[in-house]
Amino acid sequence: MTEGLRHLPVMAREVCDLLAIRPGMRILNATLGLGGHDLAMLERAGGDLEILGLDRDPAALSLAQENLRAYPGRLTAFEMRFSRFPDALAKAGWAGADAILADLGVSSIQLDVAERGFSFVADGPLDMRMAGASEGCESAKNIVNSWGYEELRDLIRDMGEEPQAGRIARAIVNEREKKPLETTLELAALVERAYPAKWRATARNHPATRTFQALRMAVNHEIEELREFLDNLAEALNPGGRAAVISFHSLEDRLTKHAFRHEATSCVCPPRQPFCTCGHVARLRVLTKKPVTPQAEEIAANPRARSAKLRAAERLLSEAA
């Protein structure tokens, strides 16, 4: 069931401030979700915005349009991966955007609907595909039942940053020799049993949190998507335009930080090289030396916001080599 779902946008006020939201802007929301940030931006601008929204999940697109019904004609939506946003700009006839937003968190429609297979607290099929089987992504069920021990260990360690990755991967391999893993609660219970008793007793989050995160990121190619998005970001911003990225994973935040710094640097030659040969031109100005994080009141109202980090940058008005 998806009726009545609403999304609590993370750091909506900070996003509006950093993107300098004002009437008449063209906004690209590369990860539309349920439209929470868009509603906040429209309210800030008195409804006078053009919003181009992308999401790979058709159910999310439908709900976002419903949630923004108070502002008819302000949203143009495409069912599309966020890395493909240049195609959306071309389809909409936009030469560029005045602001670009990417919220890399998982939408409520995915976390709160057990049938989507993202949650380790509600039983559902081991799926985790944001857009279903039609997109061609490998399901979480296929990964846990077919990948080798080392592949699983490396995935859970690198994407999940899970210190017990080896124990968890071994437990998965041993269990599937008896029968395939089919459901989310089945996998969550297995991961919990694989945790040392002392770790289970002191863990702040459910022991399966990082494993499920790693699987979701692998299923939906989230790191590859982010790299492609960041590669094209500066070019898509109008002069003076701003971009904001909200991440929930240290790897995502690190990629965003490095991409912004790279685009804000005039020369990217090796430090010891005596003269510049790269020809690189700075196109961005970093607006956030350190990531912005949610206030305590927001975390209390929306615990899912606790790991969010917001970074922003501005397209330079002119570019000099």
C-alpha atoms as a PDB file:
ATOM      1  CA  MET A   1       0.000   0.000   0.000  1.00  0.00           C
ATOM      2  CA  THR A   2       1.303   3.443  -0.917  1.00  0.00           C
ATOM      3  CA  GLU A   3      -1.717   5.670  -0.311  1.00  0.00           C
ATOM      4  CA  GLY A   4      -1.060   8.656   1.916  1.00  0.00           C
ATOM      5  CA  LEU A   5       2.711   8.285   1.920  1.00  0.00           C
ATOM      6  CA  ARG A   6       4.548  11.512   2.594  1.00  0.00           C
ATOM      7  CA  HIS A   7       8.246  12.220   2.665  1.00  0.00           C
ATOM      8  CA  LEU A   8       9.983  14.239   5.362  1.00  0.00           C
ATOM      9  CA  PRO A   9      12.633  16.074   3.329  1.00  0.00           C
ATOM     10  CA  VAL A  10      16.021  16.168   5.037  1.00  0.00           C
ATOM     11  CA  MET A  11      17.388  19.652   5.775  1.00  0.00           C
ATOM     12  CA  ALA A  12      14.764  21.321   3.577  1.00  0.00           C
ATOM     13  CA  ARG A  13      15.489  24.791   4.984  1.00  0.00           C
ATOM     14  CA  GLU A  14      19.236  24.365   4.507  1.00  0.00           C
ATOM     15  CA  VAL A  15      18.701  23.134   0.929  1.00  0.00           C
ATOM     16  CA  CYS A  16      16.570  26.176   0.092  1.00  0.00           C
ATOM     17  CA  ASP A  17      19.172  28.486   1.633  1.00  0.00           C
ATOM     18  CA  LEU A  18      22.191  26.939  -0.102  1.00  0.00           C
ATOM     19  CA  LEU A  19      20.423  26.788  -3.466  1.00  0.00           C
ATOM     20  CA  ALA A  20      19.345  30.429  -2.973  1.00  0.00           C
ATOM     21  CA  ILE A  21      15.774  29.562  -3.970  1.00  0.00           C
ATOM     22  CA  ARG A  22      13.895  32.541  -5.370  1.00  0.00           C
ATOM     23  CA  PRO A  23      11.020  33.108  -7.811  1.00  0.00           C
ATOM     24  CA  GLY A  24      11.567  32.385 -11.480  1.00  0.00           C
ATOM     25  CA  MET A  25      14.222  29.677 -11.129  1.00  0.00           C
ATOM     26  CA  ARG A  26      14.511  26.472 -13.110  1.00  0.00           C
ATOM     27  CA  ILE A  27      15.241  23.623 -10.694  1.00  0.00           C
ATOM     28  CA  LEU A  28      16.420  20.146 -11.607  1.00  0.00           C
ATOM     29  CA  ASN A  29      15.648  17.619  -8.872  1.00  0.00           C
ATOM     30  CA  ALA A  30      17.560  14.575 -10.043  1.00  0.00           C
ATOM     31  CA  THR A  31      16.066  12.354  -7.316  1.00  0.00           C
ATOM     32  CA  LEU A  32      12.453  13.464  -7.000  1.00  0.00           C
ATOM     33  CA  GLY A  33      11.267  10.850  -4.507  1.00  0.00           C
ATOM     34  CA  LEU A  34       7.908  11.923  -3.072  1.00  0.00           C
ATOM     35  CA  GLY A  35       8.509  15.616  -3.754  1.00  0.00           C
ATOM     36  CA  GLY A  36       9.217  16.812  -0.219  1.00  0.00           C
ATOM     37  CA  HIS A  37      12.108  19.108  -1.128  1.00  0.00           C
ATOM     38  CA  ASP A  38      10.184  20.400  -4.142  1.00  0.00           C
ATOM     39  CA  LEU A  39       7.231  21.373  -1.975  1.00  0.00           C
ATOM     40  CA  ALA A  40       9.572  23.277   0.357  1.00  0.00           C
ATOM     41  CA  MET A  41      11.211  25.067  -2.587  1.00  0.00           C
ATOM     42  CA  LEU A  42       7.859  25.987  -4.135  1.00  0.00           C
ATOM     43  CA  GLU A  43       6.673  27.377  -0.813  1.00  0.00           C
ATOM     44  CA  ARG A  44       9.895  29.407  -0.491  1.00  0.00           C
ATOM     45  CA  ALA A  45       9.413  30.864  -4.007  1.00  0.00           C
ATOM     46  CA  GLY A  46       5.702  31.505  -3.713  1.00  0.00           C
ATOM     47  CA  GLY A  47       5.016  28.813  -6.291  1.00  0.00           C
ATOM     48  CA  ASP A  48       6.991  30.583  -9.031  1.00  0.00           C
ATOM     49  CA  LEU A  49       9.421  27.812 -10.054  1.00  0.00           C
ATOM     50  CA  GLU A  50       9.852  25.398 -12.924  1.00  0.00           C
ATOM     51  CA  ILE A  51      10.837  21.989 -11.578  1.00  0.00           C
ATOM     52  CA  LEU A  52      12.204  19.147 -13.655  1.00  0.00           C
ATOM     53  CA  GLY A  53      11.999  15.992 -11.531  1.00  0.00           C
ATOM     54  CA  LEU A  54      13.539  12.581 -12.207  1.00  0.00           C
ATOM     55  CA  ASP A  55      13.039   9.250 -10.508  1.00  0.00           C
ATOM     56  CA  ARG A  56      13.592   5.679 -11.631  1.00  0.00           C
ATOM     57  CA  ASP A  57      10.584   4.559  -9.542  1.00  0.00           C
ATOM     58  CA  PRO A  58       7.248   5.130 -11.343  1.00  0.00           C
ATOM     59  CA  ALA A  59       5.291   4.806  -8.085  1.00  0.00           C
ATOM     60  CA  ALA A  60       7.352   7.625  -6.550  1.00  0.00           C
ATOM     61  CA  LEU A  61       6.753   9.846  -9.574  1.00  0.00           C
ATOM     62  CA  SER A  62       3.002   9.356  -9.290  1.00  0.00           C
ATOM     63  CA  LEU A  63       2.975  10.168  -5.581  1.00  0.00           C
ATOM     64  CA  ALA A  64       5.221  13.216  -6.045  1.00  0.00           C
ATOM     65  CA  GLN A  65       2.793  14.641  -8.583  1.00  0.00           C
ATOM     66  CA  GLU A  66      -0.047  14.067  -6.121  1.00  0.00           C
ATOM     67  CA  ASN A  67       1.889  15.680  -3.271  1.00  0.00           C
ATOM     68  CA  LEU A  68       2.569  18.764  -5.424  1.00  0.00           C
ATOM     69  CA  ARG A  69      -0.995  19.125  -6.665  1.00  0.00           C
ATOM     70  CA  ALA A  70      -1.301  22.521  -4.950  1.00  0.00           C
ATOM     71  CA  TYR A  71       1.140  23.845  -7.593  1.00  0.00           C
ATOM     72  CA  PRO A  72      -0.305  22.664 -10.925  1.00  0.00           C
ATOM     73  CA  GLY A  73       1.901  22.899 -13.977  1.00  0.00           C
ATOM     74  CA  ARG A  74       5.085  23.505 -11.985  1.00  0.00           C
ATOM     75  CA  LEU A  75       6.502  19.968 -12.213  1.00  0.00           C
ATOM     76  CA  THR A  76       7.676  18.135 -15.321  1.00  0.00           C
ATOM     77  CA  ALA A  77       8.566  14.566 -14.365  1.00  0.00           C
ATOM     78  CA  PHE A  78      10.517  11.834 -16.144  1.00  0.00           C
ATOM     79  CA  GLU A  79      10.966   8.192 -15.185  1.00  0.00           C
ATOM     80  CA  MET A  80      14.738   8.094 -15.457  1.00  0.00           C
ATOM     81  CA  ARG A  81      17.947   7.264 -13.577  1.00  0.00           C
ATOM     82  CA  PHE A  82      19.449  10.406 -12.061  1.00  0.00           C
ATOM     83  CA  SER A  83      22.728   9.872 -13.914  1.00  0.00           C
ATOM     84  CA  ARG A  84      20.807  10.458 -17.168  1.00  0.00           C
ATOM     85  CA  PHE A  85      19.748  13.981 -16.241  1.00  0.00           C
ATOM     86  CA  PRO A  86      21.379  15.571 -19.335  1.00  0.00           C
ATOM     87  CA  ASP A  87      18.804  13.652 -21.411  1.00  0.00           C
ATOM     88  CA  ALA A  88      16.013  15.103 -19.287  1.00  0.00           C
ATOM     89  CA  LEU A  89      17.331  18.631 -19.759  1.00  0.00           C
ATOM     90  CA  ALA A  90      17.371  18.086 -23.510  1.00  0.00           C
ATOM     91  CA  LYS A  91      13.832  16.675 -23.513  1.00  0.00           C
ATOM     92  CA  ALA A  92      12.574  19.634 -21.521  1.00  0.00           C
ATOM     93  CA  GLY A  93      14.367  22.089 -23.803  1.00  0.00           C
ATOM     94  CA  TRP A  94      16.504  23.504 -21.000  1.00  0.00           C
ATOM     95  CA  ALA A  95      20.002  24.705 -21.857  1.00  0.00           C
ATOM     96  CA  GLY A  96      20.875  24.427 -18.165  1.00  0.00           C
ATOM     97  CA  ALA A  97      19.451  24.676 -14.661  1.00  0.00           C
ATOM     98  CA  ASP A  98      19.610  27.444 -12.056  1.00  0.00           C
ATOM     99  CA  ALA A  99      19.802  24.838  -9.309  1.00  0.00           C
ATOM    100  CA  ILE A 100      20.344  21.085  -9.159  1.00  0.00           C
ATOM    101  CA  LEU A 101      19.481  18.859  -6.200  1.00  0.00           C
ATOM    102  CA  ALA A 102      20.274  15.209  -5.565  1.00  0.00           C
ATOM    103  CA  ASP A 103      19.059  13.547  -2.359  1.00  0.00           C
ATOM    104  CA  LEU A 104      20.760  10.152  -2.318  1.00  0.00           C
ATOM    105  CA  GLY A 105      18.616   8.735   0.481  1.00  0.00           C
ATOM    106  CA  VAL A 106      16.112   5.941   0.012  1.00  0.00           C
ATOM    107  CA  SER A 107      12.545   7.120  -0.463  1.00  0.00           C
ATOM    108  CA  SER A 108       9.802   6.362   2.064  1.00  0.00           C
ATOM    109  CA  ILE A 109       7.936   4.479  -0.640  1.00  0.00           C
ATOM    110  CA  GLN A 110      10.779   1.978  -0.725  1.00  0.00           C
ATOM    111  CA  LEU A 111      11.548   1.704   2.988  1.00  0.00           C
ATOM    112  CA  ASP A 112       7.960   1.644   4.217  1.00  0.00           C
ATOM    113  CA  VAL A 113       6.449  -0.775   1.699  1.00  0.00           C
ATOM    114  CA  ALA A 114       7.533  -4.277   2.730  1.00  0.00           C
ATOM    115  CA  GLU A 115       6.880  -5.738  -0.721  1.00  0.00           C
ATOM    116  CA  ARG A 116       9.751  -3.686  -2.148  1.00  0.00           C
ATOM    117  CA  GLY A 117      12.257  -5.734  -0.104  1.00  0.00           C
ATOM    118  CA  PHE A 118      14.317  -2.852   1.333  1.00  0.00           C
ATOM    119  CA  SER A 119      13.381  -3.216   4.992  1.00  0.00           C
ATOM    120  CA  PHE A 120      14.906  -5.592   7.531  1.00  0.00           C
ATOM    121  CA  VAL A 121      12.082  -4.981  10.039  1.00  0.00           C
ATOM    122  CA  ALA A 122       9.147  -5.962   7.792  1.00  0.00           C
ATOM    123  CA  ASP A 123       9.042  -9.185   5.829  1.00  0.00           C
ATOM    124  CA  GLY A 124       9.127  -9.073   2.063  1.00  0.00           C
ATOM    125  CA  PRO A 125      10.882 -10.610  -0.929  1.00  0.00           C
ATOM    126  CA  LEU A 126      14.625 -10.002  -1.217  1.00  0.00           C
ATOM    127  CA  ASP A 127      14.359  -7.540  -4.081  1.00  0.00           C
ATOM    128  CA  MET A 128      15.613  -3.954  -3.438  1.00  0.00           C
ATOM    129  CA  ARG A 129      15.284  -2.877  -7.071  1.00  0.00           C
ATOM    130  CA  MET A 130      14.163   0.747  -7.161  1.00  0.00           C
ATOM    131  CA  ALA A 131      12.494   0.338 -10.535  1.00  0.00           C
ATOM    132  CA  GLY A 132      11.566  -3.344 -10.608  1.00  0.00           C
ATOM    133  CA  ALA A 133      12.666  -6.137 -12.915  1.00  0.00           C
ATOM    134  CA  SER A 134      12.060  -4.133 -16.102  1.00  0.00           C
ATOM    135  CA  GLU A 135      15.185  -2.047 -15.545  1.00  0.00           C
ATOM    136  CA  GLY A 136      17.504  -5.045 -15.764  1.00  0.00           C
ATOM    137  CA  CYS A 137      19.089  -4.752 -12.317  1.00  0.00           C
ATOM    138  CA  GLU A 138      20.098  -7.875 -10.440  1.00  0.00           C
ATOM    139  CA  SER A 139      17.897  -8.480  -7.379  1.00  0.00           C
ATOM    140  CA  ALA A 140      19.273  -8.789  -3.851  1.00  0.00           C
ATOM    141  CA  LYS A 141      17.994 -12.374  -3.818  1.00  0.00           C
ATOM    142  CA  ASN A 142      20.166 -13.241  -6.796  1.00  0.00           C
ATOM    143  CA  ILE A 143      23.222 -11.584  -5.246  1.00  0.00           C
ATOM    144  CA  VAL A 144      23.026 -13.378  -1.892  1.00  0.00           C
ATOM    145  CA  ASN A 145      22.316 -16.735  -3.520  1.00  0.00           C
ATOM    146  CA  SER A 146      24.836 -16.654  -6.367  1.00  0.00           C
ATOM    147  CA  TRP A 147      27.812 -14.449  -5.529  1.00  0.00           C
ATOM    148  CA  GLY A 148      30.918 -16.135  -4.139  1.00  0.00           C
ATOM    149  CA  TYR A 149      32.132 -15.727  -0.568  1.00  0.00           C
ATOM    150  CA  GLU A 150      34.864 -13.217  -1.436  1.00  0.00           C
ATOM    151  CA  GLU A 151      32.515 -11.141  -3.610  1.00  0.00           C
ATOM    152  CA  LEU A 152      29.941 -10.967  -0.822  1.00  0.00           C
ATOM    153  CA  ARG A 153      32.567 -10.191   1.811  1.00  0.00           C
ATOM    154  CA  ASP A 154      34.058  -7.368  -0.238  1.00  0.00           C
ATOM    155  CA  LEU A 155      30.639  -5.922  -1.053  1.00  0.00           C
ATOM    156  CA  ILE A 156      29.470  -5.889   2.569  1.00  0.00           C
ATOM    157  CA  ARG A 157      32.829  -4.548   3.759  1.00  0.00           C
ATOM    158  CA  ASP A 158      33.241  -1.828   1.123  1.00  0.00           C
ATOM    159  CA  MET A 159      29.677  -0.666   0.489  1.00  0.00           C
ATOM    160  CA  GLY A 160      28.322  -1.394   3.939  1.00  0.00           C
ATOM    161  CA  GLU A 161      31.484  -0.521   5.864  1.00  0.00           C
ATOM    162  CA  GLU A 162      30.658  -3.562   7.968  1.00  0.00           C
ATOM    163  CA  PRO A 163      33.492  -4.830  10.237  1.00  0.00           C
ATOM    164  CA  GLN A 164      31.844  -8.258  10.468  1.00  0.00           C
ATOM    165  CA  ALA A 165      31.664  -8.653   6.673  1.00  0.00           C
ATOM    166  CA  GLY A 166      33.622 -11.920   6.629  1.00  0.00           C
ATOM    167  CA  ARG A 167      31.422 -13.592   9.251  1.00  0.00           C
ATOM    168  CA  ILE A 168      28.251 -12.423   7.521  1.00  0.00           C
ATOM    169  CA  ALA A 169      29.371 -13.557   4.066  1.00  0.00           C
ATOM    170  CA  ARG A 170      30.362 -16.959   5.442  1.00  0.00           C
ATOM    171  CA  ALA A 171      26.986 -17.317   7.183  1.00  0.00           C
ATOM    172  CA  ILE A 172      25.168 -16.478   3.930  1.00  0.00           C
ATOM    173  CA  VAL A 173      27.173 -19.033   1.945  1.00  0.00           C
ATOM    174  CA  ASN A 174      26.639 -21.739   4.566  1.00  0.00           C
ATOM    175  CA  GLU A 175      22.906 -21.069   4.837  1.00  0.00           C
ATOM    176  CA  ARG A 176      22.210 -21.102   1.113  1.00  0.00           C
ATOM    177  CA  GLU A 177      23.783 -24.549   0.853  1.00  0.00           C
ATOM    178  CA  LYS A 178      20.738 -25.765   2.792  1.00  0.00           C
ATOM    179  CA  LYS A 179      18.152 -23.626   0.994  1.00  0.00           C
ATOM    180  CA  PRO A 180      18.087 -20.359  -0.966  1.00  0.00           C
ATOM    181  CA  LEU A 181      17.538 -17.159   0.989  1.00  0.00           C
ATOM    182  CA  GLU A 182      14.157 -15.746  -0.033  1.00  0.00           C
ATOM    183  CA  THR A 183      12.944 -12.980   2.306  1.00  0.00           C
ATOM    184  CA  THR A 184      14.192  -9.878   4.066  1.00  0.00           C
ATOM    185  CA  LEU A 185      13.493 -11.121   7.599  1.00  0.00           C
ATOM    186  CA  GLU A 186      15.212 -14.403   6.794  1.00  0.00           C
ATOM    187  CA  LEU A 187      18.383 -12.551   5.789  1.00  0.00           C
ATOM    188  CA  ALA A 188      18.138 -10.071   8.678  1.00  0.00           C
ATOM    189  CA  ALA A 189      17.897 -12.898  11.214  1.00  0.00           C
ATOM    190  CA  LEU A 190      20.857 -14.666   9.625  1.00  0.00           C
ATOM    191  CA  VAL A 191      23.017 -11.533   9.821  1.00  0.00           C
ATOM    192  CA  GLU A 192      21.993 -10.974  13.425  1.00  0.00           C
ATOM    193  CA  ARG A 193      23.032 -14.533  14.334  1.00  0.00           C
ATOM    194  CA  ALA A 194      26.377 -14.015  12.571  1.00  0.00           C
ATOM    195  CA  TYR A 195      27.181 -11.058  14.809  1.00  0.00           C
ATOM    196  CA  PRO A 196      29.233 -11.821  17.944  1.00  0.00           C
ATOM    197  CA  ALA A 197      27.058 -11.704  21.053  1.00  0.00           C
ATOM    198  CA  LYS A 198      28.956  -8.727  22.504  1.00  0.00           C
ATOM    199  CA  TRP A 199      28.490  -6.774  19.273  1.00  0.00           C
ATOM    200  CA  ARG A 200      24.756  -7.522  19.238  1.00  0.00           C
ATOM    201  CA  ALA A 201      24.422  -6.316  22.819  1.00  0.00           C
ATOM    202  CA  THR A 202      26.125  -2.974  22.172  1.00  0.00           C
ATOM    203  CA  ALA A 203      25.038  -2.206  18.578  1.00  0.00           C
ATOM    204  CA  ARG A 204      23.227   1.128  18.160  1.00  0.00           C
ATOM    205  CA  ASN A 205      21.436  -0.109  15.032  1.00  0.00           C
ATOM    206  CA  HIS A 206      20.111  -3.455  13.883  1.00  0.00           C
ATOM    207  CA  PRO A 207      23.044  -5.724  12.925  1.00  0.00           C
ATOM    208  CA  ALA A 208      21.630  -6.063   9.403  1.00  0.00           C
ATOM    209  CA  THR A 209      21.653  -2.314   8.706  1.00  0.00           C
ATOM    210  CA  ARG A 210      24.988  -2.182   6.887  1.00  0.00           C
ATOM    211  CA  THR A 211      24.476  -5.441   4.994  1.00  0.00           C
ATOM    212  CA  PHE A 212      21.126  -4.271   3.632  1.00  0.00           C
ATOM    213  CA  GLN A 213      22.681  -0.931   2.685  1.00  0.00           C
ATOM    214  CA  ALA A 214      25.464  -2.667   0.771  1.00  0.00           C
ATOM    215  CA  LEU A 215      23.033  -4.899  -1.095  1.00  0.00           C
ATOM    216  CA  ARG A 216      20.764  -1.979  -2.014  1.00  0.00           C
ATOM    217  CA  MET A 217      23.715   0.015  -3.354  1.00  0.00           C
ATOM    218  CA  ALA A 218      24.937  -2.927  -5.416  1.00  0.00           C
ATOM    219  CA  VAL A 219      21.491  -3.793  -6.782  1.00  0.00           C
ATOM    220  CA  ASN A 220      20.856  -0.248  -7.989  1.00  0.00           C
ATOM    221  CA  HIS A 221      24.448   0.594  -9.058  1.00  0.00           C
ATOM    222  CA  GLU A 222      24.287   3.651  -6.818  1.00  0.00           C
ATOM    223  CA  ILE A 223      27.990   4.507  -6.784  1.00  0.00           C
ATOM    224  CA  GLU A 224      28.278   4.240 -10.563  1.00  0.00           C
ATOM    225  CA  GLU A 225      25.174   6.423 -10.874  1.00  0.00           C
ATOM    226  CA  LEU A 226      26.640   9.057  -8.564  1.00  0.00           C
ATOM    227  CA  ARG A 227      29.982   9.175 -10.397  1.00  0.00           C
ATOM    228  CA  GLU A 228      28.263   9.767 -13.737  1.00  0.00           C
ATOM    229  CA  PHE A 229      25.975  12.388 -12.204  1.00  0.00           C
ATOM    230  CA  LEU A 230      28.896  14.301 -10.680  1.00  0.00           C
ATOM    231  CA  ASP A 231      30.891  14.134 -13.927  1.00  0.00           C
ATOM    232  CA  ASN A 232      28.144  16.073 -15.756  1.00  0.00           C
ATOM    233  CA  LEU A 233      27.011  18.368 -12.955  1.00  0.00           C
ATOM    234  CA  ALA A 234      29.079  21.511 -13.528  1.00  0.00           C
ATOM    235  CA  GLU A 235      28.332  21.604 -17.247  1.00  0.00           C
ATOM    236  CA  ALA A 236      24.571  21.529 -16.585  1.00  0.00           C
ATOM    237  CA  LEU A 237      24.526  24.503 -14.207  1.00  0.00           C
ATOM    238  CA  ASN A 238      23.820  27.973 -15.549  1.00  0.00           C
ATOM    239  CA  PRO A 239      26.424  30.611 -14.573  1.00  0.00           C
ATOM    240  CA  GLY A 240      25.777  31.476 -10.924  1.00  0.00           C
ATOM    241  CA  GLY A 241      23.650  28.352 -10.556  1.00  0.00           C
ATOM    242  CA  ARG A 242      24.044  26.122  -7.524  1.00  0.00           C
ATOM    243  CA  ALA A 243      24.073  22.395  -6.839  1.00  0.00           C
ATOM    244  CA  ALA A 244      23.372  20.523  -3.607  1.00  0.00           C
ATOM    245  CA  VAL A 245      23.941  16.856  -2.844  1.00  0.00           C
ATOM    246  CA  ILE A 246      22.611  15.082   0.257  1.00  0.00           C
ATOM    247  CA  SER A 247      24.395  11.811   1.025  1.00  0.00           C
ATOM    248  CA  PHE A 248      23.881   9.181   3.717  1.00  0.00           C
ATOM    249  CA  HIS A 249      27.013   7.117   3.210  1.00  0.00           C
ATOM    250  CA  SER A 250      30.648   8.118   3.720  1.00  0.00           C
ATOM    251  CA  LEU A 251      31.625   6.848   0.266  1.00  0.00           C
ATOM    252  CA  GLU A 252      28.933   8.989  -1.382  1.00  0.00           C
ATOM    253  CA  ASP A 253      29.974  12.020   0.653  1.00  0.00           C
ATOM    254  CA  ARG A 254      33.643  11.470  -0.206  1.00  0.00           C
ATOM    255  CA  LEU A 255      32.894  11.214  -3.941  1.00  0.00           C
ATOM    256  CA  THR A 256      30.853  14.418  -3.794  1.00  0.00           C
ATOM    257  CA  LYS A 257      33.545  16.285  -1.861  1.00  0.00           C
ATOM    258  CA  HIS A 258      36.280  15.246  -4.283  1.00  0.00           C
ATOM    259  CA  ALA A 259      34.171  16.051  -7.355  1.00  0.00           C
ATOM    260  CA  PHE A 260      33.372  19.536  -6.071  1.00  0.00           C
ATOM    261  CA  ARG A 261      37.009  20.172  -5.168  1.00  0.00           C
ATOM    262  CA  HIS A 262      38.187  18.955  -8.571  1.00  0.00           C
ATOM    263  CA  GLU A 263      35.815  21.323 -10.373  1.00  0.00           C
ATOM    264  CA  ALA A 264      36.881  24.192  -8.093  1.00  0.00           C
ATOM    265  CA  THR A 265      40.596  23.714  -8.904  1.00  0.00           C
ATOM    266  CA  SER A 266      42.311  25.500 -11.792  1.00  0.00           C
ATOM    267  CA  CYS A 267      45.140  22.990 -12.132  1.00  0.00           C
ATOM    268  CA  VAL A 268      44.966  19.274 -11.385  1.00  0.00           C
ATOM    269  CA  CYS A 269      48.523  18.396 -12.407  1.00  0.00           C
ATOM    270  CA  PRO A 270      50.666  16.398  -9.938  1.00  0.00           C
ATOM    271  CA  PRO A 271      51.905  18.732  -7.137  1.00  0.00           C
ATOM    272  CA  ARG A 272      55.588  18.304  -8.003  1.00  0.00           C
ATOM    273  CA  GLN A 273      55.144  19.001 -11.695  1.00  0.00           C
ATOM    274  CA  PRO A 274      57.017  22.279 -12.464  1.00  0.00           C
ATOM    275  CA  PHE A 275      54.425  23.711 -14.857  1.00  0.00           C
ATOM    276  CA  CYS A 276      50.774  23.076 -15.747  1.00  0.00           C
ATOM    277  CA  THR A 277      49.951  20.838 -18.702  1.00  0.00           C
ATOM    278  CA  CYS A 278      46.454  19.681 -17.736  1.00  0.00           C
ATOM    279  CA  GLY A 279      44.491  22.568 -19.205  1.00  0.00           C
ATOM    280  CA  HIS A 280      41.876  22.147 -16.494  1.00  0.00           C
ATOM    281  CA  VAL A 281      39.609  25.127 -15.853  1.00  0.00           C
ATOM    282  CA  ALA A 282      37.829  25.737 -12.535  1.00  0.00           C
ATOM    283  CA  ARG A 283      34.058  25.843 -13.004  1.00  0.00           C
ATOM    284  CA  LEU A 284      32.716  25.674  -9.445  1.00  0.00           C
ATOM    285  CA  ARG A 285      33.100  27.439  -6.125  1.00  0.00           C
ATOM    286  CA  VAL A 286      32.603  25.188  -3.104  1.00  0.00           C
ATOM    287  CA  LEU A 287      30.024  26.653  -0.710  1.00  0.00           C
ATOM    288  CA  THR A 288      30.428  24.119   2.100  1.00  0.00           C
ATOM    289  CA  LYS A 289      33.972  23.577   3.374  1.00  0.00           C
ATOM    290  CA  LYS A 290      32.498  20.980   5.713  1.00  0.00           C
ATOM    291  CA  PRO A 291      29.218  19.147   5.133  1.00  0.00           C
ATOM    292  CA  VAL A 292      26.079  20.595   6.675  1.00  0.00           C
ATOM    293  CA  THR A 293      24.342  18.149   9.015  1.00  0.00           C
ATOM    294  CA  PRO A 294      20.826  18.115  10.513  1.00  0.00           C
ATOM    295  CA  GLN A 295      20.028  19.945  13.724  1.00  0.00           C
ATOM    296  CA  ALA A 296      19.183  17.900  16.826  1.00  0.00           C
ATOM    297  CA  GLU A 297      15.499  18.863  16.583  1.00  0.00           C
ATOM    298  CA  GLU A 298      15.257  17.497  13.048  1.00  0.00           C
ATOM    299  CA  ILE A 299      16.923  14.223  14.012  1.00  0.00           C
ATOM    300  CA  ALA A 300      14.492  13.846  16.918  1.00  0.00           C
ATOM    301  CA  ALA A 301      11.551  14.367  14.551  1.00  0.00           C
ATOM    302  CA  ASN A 302      13.029  12.268  11.735  1.00  0.00           C
ATOM    303  CA  PRO A 303      15.648   9.726  12.918  1.00  0.00           C
ATOM    304  CA  ARG A 304      16.380   8.759   9.301  1.00  0.00           C
ATOM    305  CA  ALA A 305      18.056  12.154   8.894  1.00  0.00           C
ATOM    306  CA  ARG A 306      20.795  11.453  11.439  1.00  0.00           C
ATOM    307  CA  SER A 307      23.467  10.347   8.946  1.00  0.00           C
ATOM    308  CA  ALA A 308      22.694  12.957   6.271  1.00  0.00           C
ATOM    309  CA  LYS A 309      25.427  15.247   4.949  1.00  0.00           C
ATOM    310  CA  LEU A 310      24.755  18.176   2.649  1.00  0.00           C
ATOM    311  CA  ARG A 311      27.356  19.710   0.323  1.00  0.00           C
ATOM    312  CA  ALA A 312      26.854  22.543  -2.136  1.00  0.00           C
ATOM    313  CA  ALA A 313      28.739  24.352  -4.888  1.00  0.00           C
ATOM    314  CA  GLU A 314      28.147  27.278  -7.235  1.00  0.00           C
ATOM    315  CA  ARG A 315      28.903  27.576 -10.954  1.00  0.00           C
ATOM    316  CA  LEU A 316      31.359  30.388 -11.563  1.00  0.00           C
ATOM    317  CA  LEU A 317      30.086  33.366 -13.571  1.00  0.00           C
ATOM    318  CA  SER A 318      33.197  33.222 -15.754  1.00  0.00           C
ATOM    319  CA  GLU A 319      35.914  30.639 -16.248  1.00  0.00           C
ATOM    320  CA  ALA A 320      39.563  31.502 -16.671  1.00  0.00           C
ATOM    321  CA  ALA A 321      42.301  29.016 -17.343  1.00  0.00           C
END
